[in-house]
Amino acid sequence: MPIIRPVMRTPSKTPAVQKGAGLIEILISLLVIATGILGLTGLQANSLASNRTAYYRTQATILAYDIIDKQRANKAEALAGSYAIALNSTAGTTTCTTSCTTADIAAMDLTQWQNSLSTELPNGDGSITVIAGLTGAYQITVQWALENQTAATIANGNVNQVVIEMQL
């Protein structure tokens, strides 16, 4: 019968190879990902605020050109100064539905314009002033204050404005 000798194993001289990721590596990668997502969220919020400001500026420009077109359509009253209106004032109202005079049309135009300013822009207001020394030249100012601006900042003149000068 053969002799069976027990085999003795010698410890390996090569270090054990790590398999899988350690908890520290996973936590660090989650921290990096979370920081990236937080940065993207901040960029998105900034983008939304900029888009809102651009939207209001576009609306103000459209409304300024709207009243310019109305003045050009009613040129006689515009030259007579019927479209001149100051900031924080209200236009005269008219209830004519048929056979309106050109003065009635000018009053309706201003009322509709002021209504559009207040509905399309936050704290929207506008003015039309005659430019001295030029016949038929006007300065149209449309202003608004963002929702986060207080009454004190609005009173100090910290508002957004679009100013357009035109000549009939």
N, C-alpha and C. Protein backbone atom coordinates (compact mmCIF):
# COMPACT_ATOMS: atom_id res chain seq x y z
N MET A 1 0.80 -1.15 0.00
CA MET A 1 0.00 0.00 0.00
C MET A 1 0.86 1.24 0.00
N PRO A 2 0.40 2.16 -0.77
CA PRO A 2 1.21 3.35 -0.82
C PRO A 2 1.06 4.18 0.47
N ILE A 3 2.04 4.92 0.71
CA ILE A 3 2.02 5.74 1.91
C ILE A 3 1.42 7.12 1.52
N ILE A 4 0.48 7.51 2.31
CA ILE A 4 -0.18 8.80 2.06
C ILE A 4 0.40 9.80 3.04
N ARG A 5 0.92 10.78 2.47
CA ARG A 5 1.48 11.82 3.31
C ARG A 5 0.58 13.06 3.25
N PRO A 6 0.38 13.68 4.35
CA PRO A 6 -0.43 14.89 4.32
C PRO A 6 0.32 16.00 3.59
N VAL A 7 -0.46 16.72 2.78
CA VAL A 7 0.13 17.82 2.01
C VAL A 7 0.00 19.10 2.84
N MET A 8 1.08 19.76 3.00
CA MET A 8 1.05 21.01 3.75
C MET A 8 1.04 22.16 2.74
N ARG A 9 0.13 22.99 2.97
CA ARG A 9 0.03 24.15 2.07
C ARG A 9 0.86 25.28 2.63
N THR A 10 1.56 25.90 1.74
CA THR A 10 2.36 27.05 2.15
C THR A 10 1.58 28.32 1.83
N PRO A 11 1.65 29.29 2.69
CA PRO A 11 0.91 30.53 2.40
C PRO A 11 1.45 31.20 1.15
N SER A 12 0.52 31.80 0.42
CA SER A 12 0.91 32.46 -0.83
C SER A 12 1.65 33.75 -0.52
N LYS A 13 2.59 34.07 -1.36
CA LYS A 13 3.40 35.26 -1.14
C LYS A 13 2.79 36.49 -1.82
N THR A 14 1.76 36.36 -2.65
CA THR A 14 1.13 37.49 -3.33
C THR A 14 -0.03 37.99 -2.47
N PRO A 15 -0.19 39.32 -2.40
CA PRO A 15 -1.29 39.84 -1.58
C PRO A 15 -2.64 39.52 -2.22
N ALA A 16 -3.66 39.50 -1.42
CA ALA A 16 -5.01 39.23 -1.90
C ALA A 16 -5.49 40.40 -2.77
N VAL A 17 -6.17 40.10 -3.82
CA VAL A 17 -6.70 41.11 -4.73
C VAL A 17 -8.10 41.49 -4.24
N GLN A 18 -8.34 42.83 -4.16
CA GLN A 18 -9.65 43.30 -3.72
C GLN A 18 -10.66 43.13 -4.83
N LYS A 19 -11.79 42.63 -4.47
CA LYS A 19 -12.85 42.47 -5.45
C LYS A 19 -14.01 43.37 -5.05
N GLY A 20 -14.53 44.18 -6.03
CA GLY A 20 -15.64 45.07 -5.75
C GLY A 20 -15.16 46.42 -5.24
N ALA A 21 -16.10 47.31 -4.99
CA ALA A 21 -15.77 48.65 -4.53
C ALA A 21 -15.97 48.73 -3.03
N GLY A 22 -15.15 49.50 -2.41
CA GLY A 22 -15.28 49.68 -0.97
C GLY A 22 -16.33 50.74 -0.67
N LEU A 23 -16.77 50.75 0.56
CA LEU A 23 -17.81 51.69 0.98
C LEU A 23 -17.34 53.14 0.83
N ILE A 24 -16.09 53.40 1.11
CA ILE A 24 -15.56 54.77 0.98
C ILE A 24 -15.64 55.26 -0.45
N GLU A 25 -15.28 54.42 -1.42
CA GLU A 25 -15.33 54.83 -2.83
C GLU A 25 -16.76 55.14 -3.26
N ILE A 26 -17.69 54.36 -2.80
CA ILE A 26 -19.10 54.59 -3.14
C ILE A 26 -19.59 55.91 -2.53
N LEU A 27 -19.25 56.16 -1.30
CA LEU A 27 -19.67 57.41 -0.65
C LEU A 27 -19.07 58.63 -1.34
N ILE A 28 -17.82 58.56 -1.73
CA ILE A 28 -17.19 59.68 -2.42
C ILE A 28 -17.83 59.92 -3.78
N SER A 29 -18.12 58.85 -4.51
CA SER A 29 -18.77 59.03 -5.81
C SER A 29 -20.17 59.61 -5.65
N LEU A 30 -20.91 59.22 -4.61
CA LEU A 30 -22.23 59.80 -4.37
C LEU A 30 -22.12 61.28 -4.01
N LEU A 31 -21.09 61.65 -3.27
CA LEU A 31 -20.88 63.05 -2.93
C LEU A 31 -20.58 63.88 -4.18
N VAL A 32 -19.78 63.36 -5.08
CA VAL A 32 -19.46 64.06 -6.32
C VAL A 32 -20.71 64.21 -7.19
N ILE A 33 -21.49 63.16 -7.30
CA ILE A 33 -22.72 63.22 -8.10
C ILE A 33 -23.72 64.20 -7.49
N ALA A 34 -23.87 64.18 -6.17
CA ALA A 34 -24.81 65.09 -5.50
C ALA A 34 -24.39 66.54 -5.70
N THR A 35 -23.10 66.82 -5.63
CA THR A 35 -22.61 68.18 -5.86
C THR A 35 -22.89 68.62 -7.29
N GLY A 36 -22.72 67.74 -8.24
CA GLY A 36 -23.01 68.06 -9.64
C GLY A 36 -24.48 68.35 -9.86
N ILE A 37 -25.33 67.55 -9.26
CA ILE A 37 -26.79 67.76 -9.41
C ILE A 37 -27.20 69.07 -8.75
N LEU A 38 -26.62 69.39 -7.61
CA LEU A 38 -26.92 70.66 -6.94
C LEU A 38 -26.49 71.84 -7.80
N GLY A 39 -25.35 71.73 -8.45
CA GLY A 39 -24.90 72.79 -9.36
C GLY A 39 -25.82 72.96 -10.55
N LEU A 40 -26.28 71.85 -11.11
CA LEU A 40 -27.22 71.93 -12.24
C LEU A 40 -28.55 72.55 -11.81
N THR A 41 -28.99 72.27 -10.61
CA THR A 41 -30.22 72.87 -10.10
C THR A 41 -30.08 74.38 -9.99
N GLY A 42 -28.94 74.83 -9.51
CA GLY A 42 -28.69 76.28 -9.43
C GLY A 42 -28.68 76.93 -10.80
N LEU A 43 -28.07 76.28 -11.76
CA LEU A 43 -28.05 76.81 -13.13
C LEU A 43 -29.47 76.90 -13.71
N GLN A 44 -30.27 75.89 -13.44
CA GLN A 44 -31.65 75.87 -13.95
C GLN A 44 -32.46 77.01 -13.32
N ALA A 45 -32.30 77.24 -12.02
CA ALA A 45 -33.02 78.33 -11.36
C ALA A 45 -32.60 79.68 -11.93
N ASN A 46 -31.32 79.87 -12.17
CA ASN A 46 -30.82 81.11 -12.75
C ASN A 46 -31.36 81.29 -14.17
N SER A 47 -31.42 80.22 -14.91
CA SER A 47 -31.95 80.27 -16.28
C SER A 47 -33.42 80.67 -16.29
N LEU A 48 -34.20 80.13 -15.37
CA LEU A 48 -35.62 80.47 -15.30
C LEU A 48 -35.82 81.95 -14.96
N ALA A 49 -35.02 82.47 -14.05
CA ALA A 49 -35.13 83.89 -13.69
C ALA A 49 -34.77 84.78 -14.88
N SER A 50 -33.74 84.41 -15.62
CA SER A 50 -33.34 85.19 -16.80
C SER A 50 -34.41 85.12 -17.88
N ASN A 51 -35.01 83.96 -18.06
CA ASN A 51 -36.08 83.82 -19.05
C ASN A 51 -37.29 84.66 -18.69
N ARG A 52 -37.62 84.74 -17.40
CA ARG A 52 -38.76 85.55 -16.97
C ARG A 52 -38.50 87.03 -17.24
N THR A 53 -37.29 87.48 -16.96
CA THR A 53 -36.93 88.88 -17.23
C THR A 53 -36.99 89.18 -18.72
N ALA A 54 -36.48 88.26 -19.53
CA ALA A 54 -36.53 88.44 -20.98
C ALA A 54 -37.97 88.46 -21.49
N TYR A 55 -38.82 87.62 -20.91
CA TYR A 55 -40.23 87.60 -21.30
C TYR A 55 -40.89 88.95 -21.01
N TYR A 56 -40.66 89.50 -19.82
CA TYR A 56 -41.25 90.79 -19.48
C TYR A 56 -40.72 91.90 -20.37
N ARG A 57 -39.44 91.88 -20.69
CA ARG A 57 -38.87 92.89 -21.58
C ARG A 57 -39.50 92.80 -22.97
N THR A 58 -39.73 91.59 -23.44
CA THR A 58 -40.38 91.41 -24.74
C THR A 58 -41.81 91.92 -24.71
N GLN A 59 -42.54 91.61 -23.64
CA GLN A 59 -43.91 92.09 -23.52
C GLN A 59 -43.95 93.62 -23.48
N ALA A 60 -43.01 94.22 -22.76
CA ALA A 60 -42.97 95.69 -22.68
C ALA A 60 -42.71 96.30 -24.05
N THR A 61 -41.81 95.70 -24.81
CA THR A 61 -41.52 96.21 -26.15
C THR A 61 -42.74 96.07 -27.06
N ILE A 62 -43.40 94.94 -26.98
CA ILE A 62 -44.62 94.74 -27.79
C ILE A 62 -45.68 95.77 -27.43
N LEU A 63 -45.86 96.02 -26.14
CA LEU A 63 -46.88 96.99 -25.72
C LEU A 63 -46.50 98.42 -26.12
N ALA A 64 -45.22 98.74 -26.10
CA ALA A 64 -44.80 100.07 -26.54
C ALA A 64 -45.10 100.25 -28.03
N TYR A 65 -44.78 99.25 -28.82
CA TYR A 65 -45.06 99.37 -30.26
C TYR A 65 -46.55 99.30 -30.56
N ASP A 66 -47.31 98.69 -29.67
CA ASP A 66 -48.77 98.66 -29.84
C ASP A 66 -49.35 100.07 -29.76
N ILE A 67 -48.93 100.83 -28.76
CA ILE A 67 -49.46 102.19 -28.64
C ILE A 67 -48.91 103.09 -29.74
N ILE A 68 -47.69 102.82 -30.21
CA ILE A 68 -47.15 103.58 -31.34
C ILE A 68 -48.01 103.35 -32.58
N ASP A 69 -48.39 102.11 -32.83
CA ASP A 69 -49.25 101.81 -33.97
C ASP A 69 -50.61 102.48 -33.84
N LYS A 70 -51.14 102.53 -32.63
CA LYS A 70 -52.44 103.19 -32.40
C LYS A 70 -52.32 104.69 -32.63
N GLN A 71 -51.18 105.27 -32.25
CA GLN A 71 -50.98 106.70 -32.50
C GLN A 71 -50.89 106.97 -34.00
N ARG A 72 -50.20 106.12 -34.71
CA ARG A 72 -50.08 106.31 -36.16
C ARG A 72 -51.42 106.14 -36.85
N ALA A 73 -52.28 105.28 -36.32
CA ALA A 73 -53.61 105.08 -36.91
C ALA A 73 -54.52 106.27 -36.62
N ASN A 74 -54.28 107.00 -35.55
CA ASN A 74 -55.08 108.16 -35.16
C ASN A 74 -54.16 109.37 -35.09
N LYS A 75 -53.52 109.66 -36.21
CA LYS A 75 -52.45 110.66 -36.27
C LYS A 75 -52.90 112.05 -35.85
N ALA A 76 -54.11 112.44 -36.22
CA ALA A 76 -54.58 113.80 -35.90
C ALA A 76 -54.63 114.01 -34.38
N GLU A 77 -55.14 113.04 -33.66
CA GLU A 77 -55.21 113.15 -32.19
C GLU A 77 -53.83 113.02 -31.56
N ALA A 78 -52.98 112.21 -32.16
CA ALA A 78 -51.62 112.07 -31.63
C ALA A 78 -50.87 113.38 -31.75
N LEU A 79 -51.01 114.05 -32.90
CA LEU A 79 -50.35 115.35 -33.09
C LEU A 79 -50.95 116.41 -32.18
N ALA A 80 -52.24 116.24 -31.83
CA ALA A 80 -52.89 117.20 -30.94
C ALA A 80 -52.51 116.97 -29.47
N GLY A 81 -51.81 115.87 -29.18
CA GLY A 81 -51.37 115.59 -27.81
C GLY A 81 -52.34 114.77 -27.00
N SER A 82 -53.35 114.19 -27.65
CA SER A 82 -54.34 113.42 -26.91
C SER A 82 -53.78 112.12 -26.33
N TYR A 83 -52.67 111.68 -26.82
CA TYR A 83 -52.08 110.43 -26.33
C TYR A 83 -51.06 110.66 -25.21
N ALA A 84 -50.79 111.89 -24.86
CA ALA A 84 -49.82 112.17 -23.80
C ALA A 84 -50.40 111.74 -22.46
N ILE A 85 -49.63 110.96 -21.72
CA ILE A 85 -50.07 110.48 -20.41
C ILE A 85 -48.84 110.26 -19.54
N ALA A 86 -48.97 110.59 -18.27
CA ALA A 86 -47.84 110.46 -17.34
C ALA A 86 -47.88 109.10 -16.65
N LEU A 87 -46.77 108.75 -16.04
CA LEU A 87 -46.73 107.53 -15.23
C LEU A 87 -47.68 107.68 -14.05
N ASN A 88 -48.23 106.58 -13.60
CA ASN A 88 -49.12 106.54 -12.44
C ASN A 88 -50.37 107.38 -12.61
N SER A 89 -50.82 107.55 -13.83
CA SER A 89 -52.07 108.27 -14.06
C SER A 89 -53.00 107.36 -14.84
N THR A 90 -54.27 107.71 -14.82
CA THR A 90 -55.25 106.89 -15.54
C THR A 90 -55.80 107.68 -16.71
N ALA A 91 -56.04 106.98 -17.77
CA ALA A 91 -56.59 107.61 -18.97
C ALA A 91 -58.08 107.81 -18.79
N GLY A 92 -58.61 108.81 -19.48
CA GLY A 92 -60.04 109.02 -19.45
C GLY A 92 -60.75 107.87 -20.15
N THR A 93 -61.87 107.49 -19.64
CA THR A 93 -62.60 106.38 -20.25
C THR A 93 -63.72 106.90 -21.11
N THR A 94 -64.09 106.12 -22.07
CA THR A 94 -65.21 106.46 -22.94
C THR A 94 -66.03 105.20 -23.16
N THR A 95 -67.29 105.40 -23.35
CA THR A 95 -68.18 104.25 -23.55
C THR A 95 -68.80 104.25 -24.94
N CYS A 96 -68.21 104.98 -25.85
CA CYS A 96 -68.82 105.03 -27.18
C CYS A 96 -68.67 103.68 -27.87
N THR A 97 -69.72 103.29 -28.56
CA THR A 97 -69.68 102.04 -29.30
C THR A 97 -69.89 102.27 -30.80
N THR A 98 -70.59 103.34 -31.11
CA THR A 98 -70.79 103.70 -32.51
C THR A 98 -70.55 105.19 -32.66
N SER A 99 -70.18 105.58 -33.81
CA SER A 99 -69.87 106.97 -34.17
C SER A 99 -68.98 107.65 -33.12
N CYS A 100 -67.86 107.04 -32.85
CA CYS A 100 -66.88 107.60 -31.91
C CYS A 100 -66.08 108.70 -32.60
N THR A 101 -65.74 109.71 -31.85
CA THR A 101 -64.86 110.75 -32.38
C THR A 101 -63.41 110.25 -32.27
N THR A 102 -62.51 110.96 -32.92
CA THR A 102 -61.10 110.57 -32.84
C THR A 102 -60.57 110.74 -31.42
N ALA A 103 -61.12 111.71 -30.67
CA ALA A 103 -60.73 111.88 -29.26
C ALA A 103 -61.20 110.70 -28.42
N ASP A 104 -62.42 110.20 -28.73
CA ASP A 104 -62.91 109.00 -28.03
C ASP A 104 -62.02 107.79 -28.32
N ILE A 105 -61.60 107.67 -29.55
CA ILE A 105 -60.73 106.55 -29.94
C ILE A 105 -59.39 106.65 -29.21
N ALA A 106 -58.86 107.87 -29.10
CA ALA A 106 -57.60 108.05 -28.38
C ALA A 106 -57.76 107.67 -26.91
N ALA A 107 -58.88 108.06 -26.30
CA ALA A 107 -59.12 107.72 -24.89
C ALA A 107 -59.26 106.20 -24.73
N MET A 108 -59.97 105.57 -25.67
CA MET A 108 -60.10 104.10 -25.62
C MET A 108 -58.76 103.42 -25.81
N ASP A 109 -57.96 103.93 -26.72
CA ASP A 109 -56.62 103.36 -26.95
C ASP A 109 -55.78 103.41 -25.69
N LEU A 110 -55.79 104.56 -25.01
CA LEU A 110 -55.00 104.71 -23.79
C LEU A 110 -55.51 103.80 -22.68
N THR A 111 -56.83 103.70 -22.55
CA THR A 111 -57.41 102.82 -21.52
C THR A 111 -57.04 101.37 -21.78
N GLN A 112 -57.18 100.93 -23.03
CA GLN A 112 -56.82 99.56 -23.37
C GLN A 112 -55.32 99.31 -23.16
N TRP A 113 -54.49 100.30 -23.50
CA TRP A 113 -53.05 100.16 -23.32
C TRP A 113 -52.69 100.03 -21.85
N GLN A 114 -53.30 100.88 -21.01
CA GLN A 114 -53.01 100.79 -19.58
C GLN A 114 -53.51 99.48 -18.99
N ASN A 115 -54.64 99.01 -19.45
CA ASN A 115 -55.13 97.70 -18.99
C ASN A 115 -54.16 96.59 -19.39
N SER A 116 -53.66 96.66 -20.61
CA SER A 116 -52.69 95.66 -21.07
C SER A 116 -51.40 95.73 -20.25
N LEU A 117 -50.95 96.94 -19.94
CA LEU A 117 -49.74 97.09 -19.13
C LEU A 117 -49.90 96.43 -17.76
N SER A 118 -51.07 96.65 -17.15
CA SER A 118 -51.26 96.12 -15.80
C SER A 118 -51.51 94.61 -15.79
N THR A 119 -52.02 94.06 -16.90
CA THR A 119 -52.26 92.61 -16.91
C THR A 119 -51.06 91.82 -17.44
N GLU A 120 -50.28 92.38 -18.34
CA GLU A 120 -49.17 91.66 -18.94
C GLU A 120 -47.87 91.78 -18.17
N LEU A 121 -47.73 92.85 -17.38
CA LEU A 121 -46.49 93.11 -16.66
C LEU A 121 -46.77 93.26 -15.17
N PRO A 122 -45.90 92.74 -14.30
CA PRO A 122 -46.10 92.95 -12.87
C PRO A 122 -45.84 94.41 -12.51
N ASN A 123 -46.80 95.03 -11.88
CA ASN A 123 -46.72 96.45 -11.54
C ASN A 123 -46.46 97.30 -12.79
N GLY A 124 -47.08 96.92 -13.90
CA GLY A 124 -46.84 97.59 -15.18
C GLY A 124 -47.45 98.98 -15.25
N ASP A 125 -46.74 99.89 -15.86
CA ASP A 125 -47.21 101.26 -16.03
C ASP A 125 -46.53 101.83 -17.27
N GLY A 126 -47.04 102.93 -17.77
CA GLY A 126 -46.45 103.52 -18.96
C GLY A 126 -46.73 105.00 -19.06
N SER A 127 -45.92 105.66 -19.88
CA SER A 127 -46.13 107.08 -20.12
C SER A 127 -45.82 107.39 -21.58
N ILE A 128 -46.44 108.43 -22.05
CA ILE A 128 -46.18 108.95 -23.40
C ILE A 128 -45.97 110.44 -23.23
N THR A 129 -44.78 110.90 -23.58
CA THR A 129 -44.47 112.33 -23.44
C THR A 129 -44.05 112.89 -24.79
N VAL A 130 -44.38 114.15 -25.00
CA VAL A 130 -44.01 114.84 -26.22
C VAL A 130 -42.55 115.27 -26.10
N ILE A 131 -41.77 115.03 -27.15
CA ILE A 131 -40.38 115.48 -27.17
C ILE A 131 -40.38 116.92 -27.68
N ALA A 132 -39.92 117.82 -26.85
CA ALA A 132 -39.96 119.25 -27.19
C ALA A 132 -39.04 119.55 -28.38
N GLY A 133 -39.51 120.41 -29.25
CA GLY A 133 -38.71 120.88 -30.37
C GLY A 133 -38.85 120.04 -31.62
N LEU A 134 -39.53 118.91 -31.54
CA LEU A 134 -39.74 118.05 -32.72
C LEU A 134 -41.24 117.84 -32.90
N THR A 135 -41.73 118.13 -34.08
CA THR A 135 -43.15 117.95 -34.34
C THR A 135 -43.46 116.47 -34.48
N GLY A 136 -44.43 116.02 -33.69
CA GLY A 136 -44.87 114.63 -33.77
C GLY A 136 -43.89 113.63 -33.18
N ALA A 137 -42.98 114.08 -32.32
CA ALA A 137 -42.01 113.17 -31.70
C ALA A 137 -42.45 112.86 -30.27
N TYR A 138 -42.40 111.58 -29.91
CA TYR A 138 -42.86 111.14 -28.61
C TYR A 138 -41.86 110.16 -28.00
N GLN A 139 -41.88 110.12 -26.68
CA GLN A 139 -41.10 109.13 -25.95
C GLN A 139 -42.09 108.24 -25.21
N ILE A 140 -42.05 106.96 -25.51
CA ILE A 140 -42.93 105.99 -24.88
C ILE A 140 -42.09 105.23 -23.86
N THR A 141 -42.54 105.24 -22.61
CA THR A 141 -41.86 104.54 -21.54
C THR A 141 -42.79 103.48 -20.98
N VAL A 142 -42.32 102.26 -20.93
CA VAL A 142 -43.05 101.17 -20.30
C VAL A 142 -42.18 100.69 -19.15
N GLN A 143 -42.75 100.64 -17.95
CA GLN A 143 -41.97 100.19 -16.81
C GLN A 143 -42.71 99.13 -16.04
N TRP A 144 -41.95 98.31 -15.35
CA TRP A 144 -42.52 97.25 -14.52
C TRP A 144 -41.53 96.93 -13.42
N ALA A 145 -42.05 96.34 -12.37
CA ALA A 145 -41.21 95.89 -11.25
C ALA A 145 -41.47 94.40 -11.07
N LEU A 146 -40.44 93.65 -10.84
CA LEU A 146 -40.58 92.22 -10.66
C LEU A 146 -41.33 91.92 -9.36
N GLU A 147 -41.86 90.71 -9.28
CA GLU A 147 -42.69 90.33 -8.14
C GLU A 147 -41.94 90.43 -6.82
N ASN A 148 -40.63 90.21 -6.83
CA ASN A 148 -39.87 90.22 -5.59
C ASN A 148 -39.42 91.62 -5.16
N GLN A 149 -39.76 92.64 -5.94
CA GLN A 149 -39.40 94.00 -5.57
C GLN A 149 -40.48 94.58 -4.66
N THR A 150 -40.06 95.27 -3.64
CA THR A 150 -41.00 95.84 -2.68
C THR A 150 -41.47 97.21 -3.14
N ALA A 151 -42.50 97.71 -2.46
CA ALA A 151 -43.03 99.04 -2.80
C ALA A 151 -41.98 100.12 -2.58
N ALA A 152 -41.09 99.92 -1.60
CA ALA A 152 -40.04 100.92 -1.35
C ALA A 152 -39.06 100.99 -2.50
N THR A 153 -38.67 99.85 -3.06
CA THR A 153 -37.73 99.87 -4.18
C THR A 153 -38.39 100.44 -5.43
N ILE A 154 -39.68 100.20 -5.58
CA ILE A 154 -40.40 100.77 -6.73
C ILE A 154 -40.49 102.29 -6.57
N ALA A 155 -40.77 102.75 -5.35
CA ALA A 155 -40.87 104.20 -5.10
C ALA A 155 -39.52 104.89 -5.34
N ASN A 156 -38.43 104.19 -5.11
CA ASN A 156 -37.10 104.76 -5.34
C ASN A 156 -36.70 104.76 -6.81
N GLY A 157 -37.56 104.23 -7.66
CA GLY A 157 -37.27 104.22 -9.09
C GLY A 157 -36.48 103.00 -9.54
N ASN A 158 -36.36 102.00 -8.69
CA ASN A 158 -35.66 100.77 -9.07
C ASN A 158 -36.62 99.85 -9.82
N VAL A 159 -36.88 100.20 -11.05
CA VAL A 159 -37.80 99.42 -11.88
C VAL A 159 -37.13 99.13 -13.22
N ASN A 160 -37.70 98.20 -13.93
CA ASN A 160 -37.22 97.90 -15.29
C ASN A 160 -37.99 98.79 -16.26
N GLN A 161 -37.32 99.26 -17.30
CA GLN A 161 -37.97 100.14 -18.26
C GLN A 161 -37.56 99.80 -19.69
N VAL A 162 -38.50 100.04 -20.58
CA VAL A 162 -38.22 100.07 -22.01
C VAL A 162 -38.63 101.46 -22.47
N VAL A 163 -37.70 102.18 -23.08
CA VAL A 163 -37.97 103.55 -23.53
C VAL A 163 -37.75 103.58 -25.05
N ILE A 164 -38.78 104.02 -25.76
CA ILE A 164 -38.69 104.11 -27.23
C ILE A 164 -39.08 105.51 -27.64
N GLU A 165 -38.27 106.09 -28.49
CA GLU A 165 -38.60 107.39 -29.04
C GLU A 165 -39.04 107.20 -30.49
N MET A 166 -40.10 107.90 -30.86
CA MET A 166 -40.63 107.75 -32.22
C MET A 166 -41.11 109.09 -32.73
N GLN A 167 -41.23 109.16 -34.04
CA GLN A 167 -41.77 110.36 -34.67
C GLN A 167 -42.82 109.91 -35.68
N LEU A 168 -43.97 110.57 -35.60
CA LEU A 168 -45.06 110.23 -36.53
C LEU A 168 -44.72 110.64 -37.94
